[in-house]
């Protein structure tokens, strides 16, 4: 697919000091003579599935293909936060990035619907949608609007609630202050689920829960584990109310790659999509087994997911409009 439109002027590249370390993504860097060097940025730590099973695998498979393509990875937000990196991909100063769908909504609002509450039934539904004509239409519209190419998408795990009380139904959220990220789609999800959303920076989440500034929060299992939230919460309620959808995006440098290089990069991302999905499932299973066997907190398995999903989808059907509603309908039309 091709992109003919550049990002609007209002999204001019933000200053990202770390870019000075690597120079512009299009200058080739320290690549071997005759090869093309691409920068791949993301916000994840080395031990998270998006890094070790995603970005690292993309680099490994691309370079093993021996098509004159090298990848240099900059994780842990070394090249800036989400907004900075999106602008840098649009301007060509970062070649590849791994971004959440909600963050990408800042440059093309309809793409954020990939992070809507219960819009996907599971990770398999996400994969089927992205492979469908409906899914391809969504990423083509994103490319036409934002000038950003999408190479693939994966789920980094479903999001669940933690609190000092069990959350089994939408009614159980009544009166609780639940921390949600501040993006428009996340805040819409909170309303759809019946939660009283409180915005707290991720870096301040543990302390906010410990001090009682918020009563609960929602995140994937891997994040809940890495932040040691069992130390400051009593219950984990397996609501699985949203997939953490990541997109592997690329700047216009895609057009500069030859056919063999495009094929190698596409194949590597396809492998990473499958690998991240498997790694997340394995990590989650191991962590849940450990938690169920211990006494750090109680895992609530009997969440009324149907009640949550029915309420959320009804709300979103009414609240979303125009292109965003079109994406919502396209996703739901591929549900089995």
C-alpha atoms as a PDB file:
ATOM      1  CA  UNK A   1       0.000   0.000   0.000  1.00  0.00           C
ATOM      2  CA  UNK A   2       1.232   3.517  -0.626  1.00  0.00           C
ATOM      3  CA  UNK A   3       0.950   6.766   1.221  1.00  0.00           C
ATOM      4  CA  UNK A   4       0.526  10.020  -0.588  1.00  0.00           C
ATOM      5  CA  UNK A   5      -0.305  12.329   2.299  1.00  0.00           C
ATOM      6  CA  UNK A   6       2.099  13.760   4.870  1.00  0.00           C
ATOM      7  CA  UNK A   7       1.152  14.484   8.463  1.00  0.00           C
ATOM      8  CA  UNK A   8      -0.599  17.821   9.100  1.00  0.00           C
ATOM      9  CA  UNK A   9       1.599  20.808   9.918  1.00  0.00           C
ATOM     10  CA  UNK A  10       0.374  20.877  13.531  1.00  0.00           C
ATOM     11  CA  UNK A  11       2.298  17.631  14.132  1.00  0.00           C
ATOM     12  CA  UNK A  12       5.701  19.062  13.259  1.00  0.00           C
ATOM     13  CA  UNK A  13       8.499  17.003  14.793  1.00  0.00           C
ATOM     14  CA  UNK A  14       8.911  17.624  18.506  1.00  0.00           C
ATOM     15  CA  UNK A  15      12.426  18.063  19.818  1.00  0.00           C
ATOM     16  CA  UNK A  16      13.778  14.707  20.918  1.00  0.00           C
ATOM     17  CA  UNK A  17      17.289  15.106  22.353  1.00  0.00           C
ATOM     18  CA  UNK A  18      18.046  11.386  22.160  1.00  0.00           C
ATOM     19  CA  UNK A  19      17.818  11.559  18.376  1.00  0.00           C
ATOM     20  CA  UNK A  20      21.118  13.404  18.417  1.00  0.00           C
ATOM     21  CA  UNK A  21      22.701  10.118  19.448  1.00  0.00           C
ATOM     22  CA  UNK A  22      21.629   8.335  16.295  1.00  0.00           C
ATOM     23  CA  UNK A  23      21.156  11.107  13.768  1.00  0.00           C
ATOM     24  CA  UNK A  24      18.356  11.184  11.254  1.00  0.00           C
ATOM     25  CA  UNK A  25      16.896   7.767  10.476  1.00  0.00           C
ATOM     26  CA  UNK A  26      17.536   8.255   6.754  1.00  0.00           C
ATOM     27  CA  UNK A  27      21.301   8.809   6.922  1.00  0.00           C
ATOM     28  CA  UNK A  28      22.221   5.151   7.158  1.00  0.00           C
ATOM     29  CA  UNK A  29      23.952   5.419  10.550  1.00  0.00           C
ATOM     30  CA  UNK A  30      26.792   2.932  11.063  1.00  0.00           C
ATOM     31  CA  UNK A  31      25.401   0.324   8.683  1.00  0.00           C
ATOM     32  CA  UNK A  32      27.786  -1.829   6.714  1.00  0.00           C
ATOM     33  CA  UNK A  33      28.749  -0.384   3.366  1.00  0.00           C
ATOM     34  CA  UNK A  34      25.923  -0.795   0.843  1.00  0.00           C
ATOM     35  CA  UNK A  35      23.299  -1.725   3.466  1.00  0.00           C
ATOM     36  CA  UNK A  36      20.343   0.261   4.767  1.00  0.00           C
ATOM     37  CA  UNK A  37      20.095   0.961   8.516  1.00  0.00           C
ATOM     38  CA  UNK A  38      16.682   1.492  10.123  1.00  0.00           C
ATOM     39  CA  UNK A  39      15.932   2.751  13.624  1.00  0.00           C
ATOM     40  CA  UNK A  40      13.247   0.874  15.578  1.00  0.00           C
ATOM     41  CA  UNK A  41      11.959   2.660  18.681  1.00  0.00           C
ATOM     42  CA  UNK A  42       9.568   1.610  21.431  1.00  0.00           C
ATOM     43  CA  UNK A  43       8.716   2.356  25.057  1.00  0.00           C
ATOM     44  CA  UNK A  44       9.082  -1.122  26.571  1.00  0.00           C
ATOM     45  CA  UNK A  45      11.688  -2.619  28.889  1.00  0.00           C
ATOM     46  CA  UNK A  46      13.939  -5.386  27.586  1.00  0.00           C
ATOM     47  CA  UNK A  47      12.108  -8.122  29.514  1.00  0.00           C
ATOM     48  CA  UNK A  48       8.629  -7.247  28.216  1.00  0.00           C
ATOM     49  CA  UNK A  49       7.130  -9.359  25.394  1.00  0.00           C
ATOM     50  CA  UNK A  50       6.937  -6.377  23.008  1.00  0.00           C
ATOM     51  CA  UNK A  51      10.723  -6.081  23.254  1.00  0.00           C
ATOM     52  CA  UNK A  52      12.154  -9.573  23.624  1.00  0.00           C
ATOM     53  CA  UNK A  53       9.575 -11.381  21.449  1.00  0.00           C
ATOM     54  CA  UNK A  54       8.733  -8.450  19.166  1.00  0.00           C
ATOM     55  CA  UNK A  55      11.387  -5.846  18.415  1.00  0.00           C
ATOM     56  CA  UNK A  56      14.324  -8.205  19.010  1.00  0.00           C
ATOM     57  CA  UNK A  57      12.842 -10.849  16.715  1.00  0.00           C
ATOM     58  CA  UNK A  58      12.196  -8.310  13.963  1.00  0.00           C
ATOM     59  CA  UNK A  59      15.847  -7.278  14.067  1.00  0.00           C
ATOM     60  CA  UNK A  60      17.067 -10.881  14.153  1.00  0.00           C
ATOM     61  CA  UNK A  61      14.966 -12.076  11.199  1.00  0.00           C
ATOM     62  CA  UNK A  62      15.543  -9.004   9.039  1.00  0.00           C
ATOM     63  CA  UNK A  63      19.301  -9.213   9.405  1.00  0.00           C
ATOM     64  CA  UNK A  64      19.313 -13.001   8.919  1.00  0.00           C
ATOM     65  CA  UNK A  65      17.526 -12.506   5.581  1.00  0.00           C
ATOM     66  CA  UNK A  66      20.742 -10.909   4.255  1.00  0.00           C
ATOM     67  CA  UNK A  67      19.013  -8.374   2.005  1.00  0.00           C
ATOM     68  CA  UNK A  68      21.173  -5.390   2.925  1.00  0.00           C
ATOM     69  CA  UNK A  69      18.972  -4.284   5.817  1.00  0.00           C
ATOM     70  CA  UNK A  70      20.031  -3.622   9.399  1.00  0.00           C
ATOM     71  CA  UNK A  71      17.955  -2.500  12.396  1.00  0.00           C
ATOM     72  CA  UNK A  72      19.102  -0.560  15.449  1.00  0.00           C
ATOM     73  CA  UNK A  73      16.712  -0.764  18.419  1.00  0.00           C
ATOM     74  CA  UNK A  74      16.091   2.053  20.907  1.00  0.00           C
ATOM     75  CA  UNK A  75      13.725   0.836  23.633  1.00  0.00           C
ATOM     76  CA  UNK A  76      12.521   2.220  26.967  1.00  0.00           C
ATOM     77  CA  UNK A  77      11.469   5.524  25.333  1.00  0.00           C
ATOM     78  CA  UNK A  78      15.092   6.458  24.598  1.00  0.00           C
ATOM     79  CA  UNK A  79      13.902   8.437  21.572  1.00  0.00           C
ATOM     80  CA  UNK A  80      11.034  10.146  23.374  1.00  0.00           C
ATOM     81  CA  UNK A  81       7.540   9.495  24.638  1.00  0.00           C
ATOM     82  CA  UNK A  82       4.706   8.228  22.485  1.00  0.00           C
ATOM     83  CA  UNK A  83       3.684  11.609  21.061  1.00  0.00           C
ATOM     84  CA  UNK A  84       7.264  12.583  20.227  1.00  0.00           C
ATOM     85  CA  UNK A  85       7.971   9.285  18.523  1.00  0.00           C
ATOM     86  CA  UNK A  86       4.777   9.364  16.444  1.00  0.00           C
ATOM     87  CA  UNK A  87       5.765  12.807  15.157  1.00  0.00           C
ATOM     88  CA  UNK A  88       9.296  11.532  14.488  1.00  0.00           C
ATOM     89  CA  UNK A  89       7.990   8.594  12.432  1.00  0.00           C
ATOM     90  CA  UNK A  90       5.779  10.959  10.452  1.00  0.00           C
ATOM     91  CA  UNK A  91       8.744  13.234   9.691  1.00  0.00           C
ATOM     92  CA  UNK A  92      11.094  10.351   8.899  1.00  0.00           C
ATOM     93  CA  UNK A  93      13.468  10.855  11.837  1.00  0.00           C
ATOM     94  CA  UNK A  94      12.459   7.479  13.293  1.00  0.00           C
ATOM     95  CA  UNK A  95      11.951   4.670  10.799  1.00  0.00           C
ATOM     96  CA  UNK A  96       9.997   2.093  12.808  1.00  0.00           C
ATOM     97  CA  UNK A  97       8.078   2.299  16.055  1.00  0.00           C
ATOM     98  CA  UNK A  98       5.809   0.142  18.218  1.00  0.00           C
ATOM     99  CA  UNK A  99       2.811   2.176  19.358  1.00  0.00           C
ATOM    100  CA  UNK A 100      -0.469   1.596  21.150  1.00  0.00           C
ATOM    101  CA  UNK A 101      -3.583   2.234  19.078  1.00  0.00           C
ATOM    102  CA  UNK A 102      -4.868   4.802  21.581  1.00  0.00           C
ATOM    103  CA  UNK A 103      -1.723   6.921  21.226  1.00  0.00           C
ATOM    104  CA  UNK A 104      -2.011   6.830  17.445  1.00  0.00           C
ATOM    105  CA  UNK A 105      -5.496   8.275  17.796  1.00  0.00           C
ATOM    106  CA  UNK A 106      -3.780  11.644  18.305  1.00  0.00           C
ATOM    107  CA  UNK A 107      -2.919  11.701  14.581  1.00  0.00           C
ATOM    108  CA  UNK A 108      -5.869   9.700  13.215  1.00  0.00           C
ATOM    109  CA  UNK A 109      -8.711   9.301  15.673  1.00  0.00           C
ATOM    110  CA  UNK A 110     -10.421   6.237  14.097  1.00  0.00           C
ATOM    111  CA  UNK A 111      -7.348   4.032  14.611  1.00  0.00           C
ATOM    112  CA  UNK A 112      -7.780   4.368  18.395  1.00  0.00           C
ATOM    113  CA  UNK A 113     -10.969   2.270  18.186  1.00  0.00           C
ATOM    114  CA  UNK A 114      -8.651  -0.757  18.027  1.00  0.00           C
ATOM    115  CA  UNK A 115      -8.284  -0.094  21.780  1.00  0.00           C
ATOM    116  CA  UNK A 116     -12.013   0.212  22.485  1.00  0.00           C
ATOM    117  CA  UNK A 117     -13.463  -1.804  25.373  1.00  0.00           C
ATOM    118  CA  UNK A 118     -14.553  -5.313  24.336  1.00  0.00           C
ATOM    119  CA  UNK A 119     -14.466  -4.383  20.637  1.00  0.00           C
ATOM    120  CA  UNK A 120     -12.353  -7.514  20.075  1.00  0.00           C
ATOM    121  CA  UNK A 121     -13.422 -10.843  21.531  1.00  0.00           C
ATOM    122  CA  UNK A 122      -9.821 -12.017  21.975  1.00  0.00           C
ATOM    123  CA  UNK A 123      -6.368 -11.915  20.378  1.00  0.00           C
ATOM    124  CA  UNK A 124      -7.478 -14.298  17.635  1.00  0.00           C
ATOM    125  CA  UNK A 125     -10.267 -11.882  16.684  1.00  0.00           C
ATOM    126  CA  UNK A 126      -7.710  -9.056  16.443  1.00  0.00           C
ATOM    127  CA  UNK A 127      -5.490 -11.163  14.171  1.00  0.00           C
ATOM    128  CA  UNK A 128      -8.415 -12.166  11.970  1.00  0.00           C
ATOM    129  CA  UNK A 129      -9.569  -8.559  11.665  1.00  0.00           C
ATOM    130  CA  UNK A 130      -6.128  -7.268  10.704  1.00  0.00           C
ATOM    131  CA  UNK A 131      -5.948  -9.931   7.968  1.00  0.00           C
ATOM    132  CA  UNK A 132      -9.416  -9.115   6.654  1.00  0.00           C
ATOM    133  CA  UNK A 133     -10.381  -6.620   3.923  1.00  0.00           C
ATOM    134  CA  UNK A 134     -12.048  -4.561   6.650  1.00  0.00           C
ATOM    135  CA  UNK A 135      -8.833  -4.406   8.636  1.00  0.00           C
ATOM    136  CA  UNK A 136      -6.769  -3.508   5.595  1.00  0.00           C
ATOM    137  CA  UNK A 137      -9.172  -0.664   4.838  1.00  0.00           C
ATOM    138  CA  UNK A 138      -8.634   0.726   8.347  1.00  0.00           C
ATOM    139  CA  UNK A 139      -4.834   0.788   8.058  1.00  0.00           C
ATOM    140  CA  UNK A 140      -5.017   2.196   4.526  1.00  0.00           C
ATOM    141  CA  UNK A 141      -7.191   5.061   5.786  1.00  0.00           C
ATOM    142  CA  UNK A 142      -4.634   5.590   8.580  1.00  0.00           C
ATOM    143  CA  UNK A 143      -1.851   5.735   5.984  1.00  0.00           C
ATOM    144  CA  UNK A 144      -3.730   8.151   3.753  1.00  0.00           C
ATOM    145  CA  UNK A 145      -4.553  10.438   6.674  1.00  0.00           C
ATOM    146  CA  UNK A 146      -1.317  10.331   8.682  1.00  0.00           C
ATOM    147  CA  UNK A 147       1.318   9.272   6.165  1.00  0.00           C
ATOM    148  CA  UNK A 148       2.279   6.305   8.369  1.00  0.00           C
ATOM    149  CA  UNK A 149       2.551   2.724   7.128  1.00  0.00           C
ATOM    150  CA  UNK A 150       1.321  -0.179   9.314  1.00  0.00           C
ATOM    151  CA  UNK A 151       3.341  -3.395   9.106  1.00  0.00           C
ATOM    152  CA  UNK A 152       1.395  -5.435  11.649  1.00  0.00           C
ATOM    153  CA  UNK A 153      -0.508  -5.465  14.941  1.00  0.00           C
ATOM    154  CA  UNK A 154      -0.555  -7.673  17.996  1.00  0.00           C
ATOM    155  CA  UNK A 155      -2.260  -7.851  21.370  1.00  0.00           C
ATOM    156  CA  UNK A 156       0.029  -7.333  24.338  1.00  0.00           C
ATOM    157  CA  UNK A 157      -2.546  -8.895  26.632  1.00  0.00           C
ATOM    158  CA  UNK A 158      -6.016  -8.094  27.912  1.00  0.00           C
ATOM    159  CA  UNK A 159      -6.465  -5.438  30.587  1.00  0.00           C
ATOM    160  CA  UNK A 160      -7.986  -6.347  33.977  1.00  0.00           C
ATOM    161  CA  UNK A 161      -9.094  -4.509  37.112  1.00  0.00           C
ATOM    162  CA  UNK A 162      -7.353  -4.490  40.484  1.00  0.00           C
ATOM    163  CA  UNK A 163      -8.861  -2.951  43.617  1.00  0.00           C
ATOM    164  CA  UNK A 164      -9.305  -3.494  47.341  1.00  0.00           C
ATOM    165  CA  UNK A 165     -12.723  -4.981  46.574  1.00  0.00           C
ATOM    166  CA  UNK A 166     -13.617  -7.667  44.025  1.00  0.00           C
ATOM    167  CA  UNK A 167     -15.105  -6.377  40.760  1.00  0.00           C
ATOM    168  CA  UNK A 168     -17.447  -8.980  39.318  1.00  0.00           C
ATOM    169  CA  UNK A 169     -20.029  -6.794  37.563  1.00  0.00           C
ATOM    170  CA  UNK A 170     -20.413  -3.206  36.328  1.00  0.00           C
ATOM    171  CA  UNK A 171     -22.293  -2.404  39.542  1.00  0.00           C
ATOM    172  CA  UNK A 172     -19.184  -3.209  41.570  1.00  0.00           C
ATOM    173  CA  UNK A 173     -17.414  -0.215  40.009  1.00  0.00           C
ATOM    174  CA  UNK A 174     -19.904   2.186  41.573  1.00  0.00           C
ATOM    175  CA  UNK A 175     -18.185   4.603  43.930  1.00  0.00           C
ATOM    176  CA  UNK A 176     -14.673   3.414  43.089  1.00  0.00           C
ATOM    177  CA  UNK A 177     -12.042   5.795  41.723  1.00  0.00           C
ATOM    178  CA  UNK A 178     -10.301   3.761  39.026  1.00  0.00           C
ATOM    179  CA  UNK A 179      -7.103   4.949  37.404  1.00  0.00           C
ATOM    180  CA  UNK A 180      -7.222   4.997  33.598  1.00  0.00           C
ATOM    181  CA  UNK A 181      -4.675   6.403  31.129  1.00  0.00           C
ATOM    182  CA  UNK A 182      -5.607   9.871  29.909  1.00  0.00           C
ATOM    183  CA  UNK A 183      -6.153   9.211  26.205  1.00  0.00           C
ATOM    184  CA  UNK A 184      -9.650   9.894  24.817  1.00  0.00           C
ATOM    185  CA  UNK A 185     -10.275   6.232  23.961  1.00  0.00           C
ATOM    186  CA  UNK A 186      -9.293   5.000  27.428  1.00  0.00           C
ATOM    187  CA  UNK A 187     -11.527   7.590  29.063  1.00  0.00           C
ATOM    188  CA  UNK A 188     -14.393   6.588  26.772  1.00  0.00           C
ATOM    189  CA  UNK A 189     -13.771   2.979  27.793  1.00  0.00           C
ATOM    190  CA  UNK A 190     -14.101   3.984  31.444  1.00  0.00           C
ATOM    191  CA  UNK A 191     -17.495   5.540  30.786  1.00  0.00           C
ATOM    192  CA  UNK A 192     -18.562   2.510  28.748  1.00  0.00           C
ATOM    193  CA  UNK A 193     -17.662   0.179  31.618  1.00  0.00           C
ATOM    194  CA  UNK A 194     -19.323   2.360  34.244  1.00  0.00           C
ATOM    195  CA  UNK A 195     -16.116   3.408  35.974  1.00  0.00           C
ATOM    196  CA  UNK A 196     -15.260   6.718  37.614  1.00  0.00           C
ATOM    197  CA  UNK A 197     -11.997   7.401  35.789  1.00  0.00           C
ATOM    198  CA  UNK A 198      -9.109   9.159  37.532  1.00  0.00           C
ATOM    199  CA  UNK A 199      -6.067  10.135  35.495  1.00  0.00           C
ATOM    200  CA  UNK A 200      -2.746   9.253  37.121  1.00  0.00           C
ATOM    201  CA  UNK A 201       0.643   9.006  35.414  1.00  0.00           C
ATOM    202  CA  UNK A 202       1.807   5.411  35.086  1.00  0.00           C
ATOM    203  CA  UNK A 203       4.984   6.251  36.986  1.00  0.00           C
ATOM    204  CA  UNK A 204       2.859   7.436  39.949  1.00  0.00           C
ATOM    205  CA  UNK A 205       0.434   4.498  39.940  1.00  0.00           C
ATOM    206  CA  UNK A 206       1.939   2.415  42.751  1.00  0.00           C
ATOM    207  CA  UNK A 207       2.195   5.375  45.136  1.00  0.00           C
ATOM    208  CA  UNK A 208      -1.332   6.582  44.279  1.00  0.00           C
ATOM    209  CA  UNK A 209      -2.752   3.168  45.143  1.00  0.00           C
ATOM    210  CA  UNK A 210      -0.640   2.893  48.271  1.00  0.00           C
ATOM    211  CA  UNK A 211      -1.773   6.307  49.533  1.00  0.00           C
ATOM    212  CA  UNK A 212      -5.412   5.771  48.579  1.00  0.00           C
ATOM    213  CA  UNK A 213      -5.551   8.560  46.001  1.00  0.00           C
ATOM    214  CA  UNK A 214      -7.282   6.014  43.759  1.00  0.00           C
ATOM    215  CA  UNK A 215      -9.136   2.839  44.716  1.00  0.00           C
ATOM    216  CA  UNK A 216      -8.087   0.673  41.788  1.00  0.00           C
ATOM    217  CA  UNK A 217      -6.661   0.542  38.304  1.00  0.00           C
ATOM    218  CA  UNK A 218      -6.630  -1.543  35.122  1.00  0.00           C
ATOM    219  CA  UNK A 219      -3.687  -2.954  33.154  1.00  0.00           C
ATOM    220  CA  UNK A 220      -2.465  -6.124  31.464  1.00  0.00           C
ATOM    221  CA  UNK A 221      -1.125  -8.921  33.673  1.00  0.00           C
ATOM    222  CA  UNK A 222       2.473  -8.234  32.616  1.00  0.00           C
ATOM    223  CA  UNK A 223       2.224  -4.584  33.738  1.00  0.00           C
ATOM    224  CA  UNK A 224       0.436  -5.469  36.968  1.00  0.00           C
ATOM    225  CA  UNK A 225       3.229  -7.906  37.749  1.00  0.00           C
ATOM    226  CA  UNK A 226       6.095  -5.590  36.803  1.00  0.00           C
ATOM    227  CA  UNK A 227       4.670  -2.806  39.004  1.00  0.00           C
ATOM    228  CA  UNK A 228       4.194  -5.150  42.007  1.00  0.00           C
ATOM    229  CA  UNK A 229       0.613  -4.002  42.449  1.00  0.00           C
ATOM    230  CA  UNK A 230      -0.220  -7.039  44.578  1.00  0.00           C
ATOM    231  CA  UNK A 231       1.628  -5.201  47.350  1.00  0.00           C
ATOM    232  CA  UNK A 232      -0.969  -2.394  47.385  1.00  0.00           C
ATOM    233  CA  UNK A 233      -4.194  -4.100  46.182  1.00  0.00           C
ATOM    234  CA  UNK A 234      -6.221  -7.024  47.513  1.00  0.00           C
ATOM    235  CA  UNK A 235      -8.041  -8.326  44.434  1.00  0.00           C
ATOM    236  CA  UNK A 236      -7.304  -8.954  40.759  1.00  0.00           C
ATOM    237  CA  UNK A 237     -10.557  -9.240  38.789  1.00  0.00           C
ATOM    238  CA  UNK A 238     -10.134 -10.918  35.379  1.00  0.00           C
ATOM    239  CA  UNK A 239     -12.433  -8.663  33.362  1.00  0.00           C
ATOM    240  CA  UNK A 240     -10.383  -8.800  30.131  1.00  0.00           C
ATOM    241  CA  UNK A 241     -12.154  -5.608  29.126  1.00  0.00           C
ATOM    242  CA  UNK A 242      -9.689  -4.385  26.518  1.00  0.00           C
ATOM    243  CA  UNK A 243      -6.892  -5.776  24.408  1.00  0.00           C
ATOM    244  CA  UNK A 244      -3.647  -3.802  24.605  1.00  0.00           C
ATOM    245  CA  UNK A 245      -3.298  -3.371  20.841  1.00  0.00           C
ATOM    246  CA  UNK A 246       0.157  -2.457  19.498  1.00  0.00           C
ATOM    247  CA  UNK A 247       0.848  -1.455  15.905  1.00  0.00           C
ATOM    248  CA  UNK A 248       4.258  -1.726  14.235  1.00  0.00           C
ATOM    249  CA  UNK A 249       4.431   1.467  12.185  1.00  0.00           C
ATOM    250  CA  UNK A 250       6.906   2.827   9.634  1.00  0.00           C
ATOM    251  CA  UNK A 251       7.778   6.130   8.033  1.00  0.00           C
ATOM    252  CA  UNK A 252       7.973   6.863   4.312  1.00  0.00           C
ATOM    253  CA  UNK A 253      11.322   5.081   4.232  1.00  0.00           C
ATOM    254  CA  UNK A 254       9.210   2.031   3.345  1.00  0.00           C
ATOM    255  CA  UNK A 255       9.112   3.427  -0.200  1.00  0.00           C
ATOM    256  CA  UNK A 256      12.925   3.506  -0.335  1.00  0.00           C
ATOM    257  CA  UNK A 257      13.306  -0.226   0.334  1.00  0.00           C
ATOM    258  CA  UNK A 258      13.612  -2.619  -2.579  1.00  0.00           C
ATOM    259  CA  UNK A 259      11.224  -5.553  -3.020  1.00  0.00           C
ATOM    260  CA  UNK A 260      13.475  -8.031  -1.195  1.00  0.00           C
ATOM    261  CA  UNK A 261      13.900  -5.681   1.757  1.00  0.00           C
ATOM    262  CA  UNK A 262      10.166  -4.980   1.987  1.00  0.00           C
ATOM    263  CA  UNK A 263       9.460  -8.709   1.876  1.00  0.00           C
ATOM    264  CA  UNK A 264      12.038  -9.449   4.594  1.00  0.00           C
ATOM    265  CA  UNK A 265      10.694  -6.731   6.875  1.00  0.00           C
ATOM    266  CA  UNK A 266       7.078  -7.772   6.336  1.00  0.00           C
ATOM    267  CA  UNK A 267       7.928 -11.410   7.047  1.00  0.00           C
ATOM    268  CA  UNK A 268       9.846 -10.477  10.212  1.00  0.00           C
ATOM    269  CA  UNK A 269       6.918  -8.451  11.551  1.00  0.00           C
ATOM    270  CA  UNK A 270       4.530 -11.327  10.811  1.00  0.00           C
ATOM    271  CA  UNK A 271       6.790 -13.621  12.854  1.00  0.00           C
ATOM    272  CA  UNK A 272       6.904 -11.079  15.673  1.00  0.00           C
ATOM    273  CA  UNK A 273       3.110 -10.777  15.751  1.00  0.00           C
ATOM    274  CA  UNK A 274       2.821 -14.526  16.357  1.00  0.00           C
ATOM    275  CA  UNK A 275       5.747 -14.540  18.785  1.00  0.00           C
ATOM    276  CA  UNK A 276       4.472 -11.689  20.958  1.00  0.00           C
ATOM    277  CA  UNK A 277       1.011 -13.282  21.133  1.00  0.00           C
ATOM    278  CA  UNK A 278       2.547 -16.572  22.327  1.00  0.00           C
ATOM    279  CA  UNK A 279       4.951 -14.892  24.750  1.00  0.00           C
ATOM    280  CA  UNK A 280       2.172 -12.845  26.349  1.00  0.00           C
ATOM    281  CA  UNK A 281       0.013 -15.946  26.814  1.00  0.00           C
ATOM    282  CA  UNK A 282       2.906 -17.879  28.369  1.00  0.00           C
ATOM    283  CA  UNK A 283       3.893 -15.018  30.685  1.00  0.00           C
ATOM    284  CA  UNK A 284       0.298 -14.489  31.800  1.00  0.00           C
ATOM    285  CA  UNK A 285      -0.299 -18.165  32.507  1.00  0.00           C
ATOM    286  CA  UNK A 286       2.863 -18.473  34.577  1.00  0.00           C
ATOM    287  CA  UNK A 287       2.102 -15.318  36.548  1.00  0.00           C
ATOM    288  CA  UNK A 288      -1.528 -16.266  37.241  1.00  0.00           C
ATOM    289  CA  UNK A 289      -0.483 -19.749  38.378  1.00  0.00           C
ATOM    290  CA  UNK A 290       1.944 -18.175  40.828  1.00  0.00           C
ATOM    291  CA  UNK A 291      -0.630 -15.716  42.138  1.00  0.00           C
ATOM    292  CA  UNK A 292      -3.338 -18.361  42.562  1.00  0.00           C
ATOM    293  CA  UNK A 293      -0.921 -20.540  44.521  1.00  0.00           C
ATOM    294  CA  UNK A 294       0.183 -17.669  46.777  1.00  0.00           C
ATOM    295  CA  UNK A 295      -1.516 -15.381  49.230  1.00  0.00           C
ATOM    296  CA  UNK A 296      -0.458 -11.954  47.966  1.00  0.00           C
ATOM    297  CA  UNK A 297      -3.978 -11.297  46.741  1.00  0.00           C
ATOM    298  CA  UNK A 298      -7.108 -13.040  45.502  1.00  0.00           C
ATOM    299  CA  UNK A 299      -7.675 -13.693  41.811  1.00  0.00           C
ATOM    300  CA  UNK A 300     -11.350 -13.250  40.879  1.00  0.00           C
ATOM    301  CA  UNK A 301     -12.217 -15.580  37.987  1.00  0.00           C
ATOM    302  CA  UNK A 302     -16.007 -15.309  38.044  1.00  0.00           C
ATOM    303  CA  UNK A 303     -16.308 -11.832  36.518  1.00  0.00           C
ATOM    304  CA  UNK A 304     -19.558 -11.346  34.588  1.00  0.00           C
ATOM    305  CA  UNK A 305     -17.760 -10.563  31.334  1.00  0.00           C
ATOM    306  CA  UNK A 306     -20.988 -10.792  29.317  1.00  0.00           C
ATOM    307  CA  UNK A 307     -22.586  -8.034  31.395  1.00  0.00           C
ATOM    308  CA  UNK A 308     -19.534  -5.817  31.005  1.00  0.00           C
ATOM    309  CA  UNK A 309     -19.283  -6.466  27.271  1.00  0.00           C
ATOM    310  CA  UNK A 310     -22.974  -5.883  26.568  1.00  0.00           C
ATOM    311  CA  UNK A 311     -22.913  -2.596  28.473  1.00  0.00           C
ATOM    312  CA  UNK A 312     -19.663  -1.420  26.861  1.00  0.00           C
ATOM    313  CA  UNK A 313     -20.636  -2.260  23.285  1.00  0.00           C
ATOM    314  CA  UNK A 314     -24.045  -0.613  23.649  1.00  0.00           C
ATOM    315  CA  UNK A 315     -22.382   2.543  24.960  1.00  0.00           C
ATOM    316  CA  UNK A 316     -19.723   2.629  22.237  1.00  0.00           C
ATOM    317  CA  UNK A 317     -22.288   2.057  19.517  1.00  0.00           C
ATOM    318  CA  UNK A 318     -23.988   5.263  20.639  1.00  0.00           C
ATOM    319  CA  UNK A 319     -20.911   7.313  21.596  1.00  0.00           C
ATOM    320  CA  UNK A 320     -18.679   6.741  18.562  1.00  0.00           C
ATOM    321  CA  UNK A 321     -19.447   8.661  15.402  1.00  0.00           C
ATOM    322  CA  UNK A 322     -18.368   9.109  11.793  1.00  0.00           C
ATOM    323  CA  UNK A 323     -15.194   7.194  10.821  1.00  0.00           C
ATOM    324  CA  UNK A 324     -14.658   5.907  14.362  1.00  0.00           C
ATOM    325  CA  UNK A 325     -18.085   4.292  14.340  1.00  0.00           C
ATOM    326  CA  UNK A 326     -17.311   2.799  10.928  1.00  0.00           C
ATOM    327  CA  UNK A 327     -14.204   1.141  12.397  1.00  0.00           C
ATOM    328  CA  UNK A 328     -16.230  -0.114  15.375  1.00  0.00           C
ATOM    329  CA  UNK A 329     -18.819  -1.681  13.059  1.00  0.00           C
ATOM    330  CA  UNK A 330     -16.116  -3.183  10.841  1.00  0.00           C
ATOM    331  CA  UNK A 331     -14.457  -4.865  13.823  1.00  0.00           C
ATOM    332  CA  UNK A 332     -17.685  -6.200  15.269  1.00  0.00           C
ATOM    333  CA  UNK A 333     -18.754  -7.507  11.846  1.00  0.00           C
ATOM    334  CA  UNK A 334     -15.772  -9.888  11.946  1.00  0.00           C
ATOM    335  CA  UNK A 335     -16.677 -11.304  15.369  1.00  0.00           C
ATOM    336  CA  UNK A 336     -17.673 -14.965  15.261  1.00  0.00           C
END
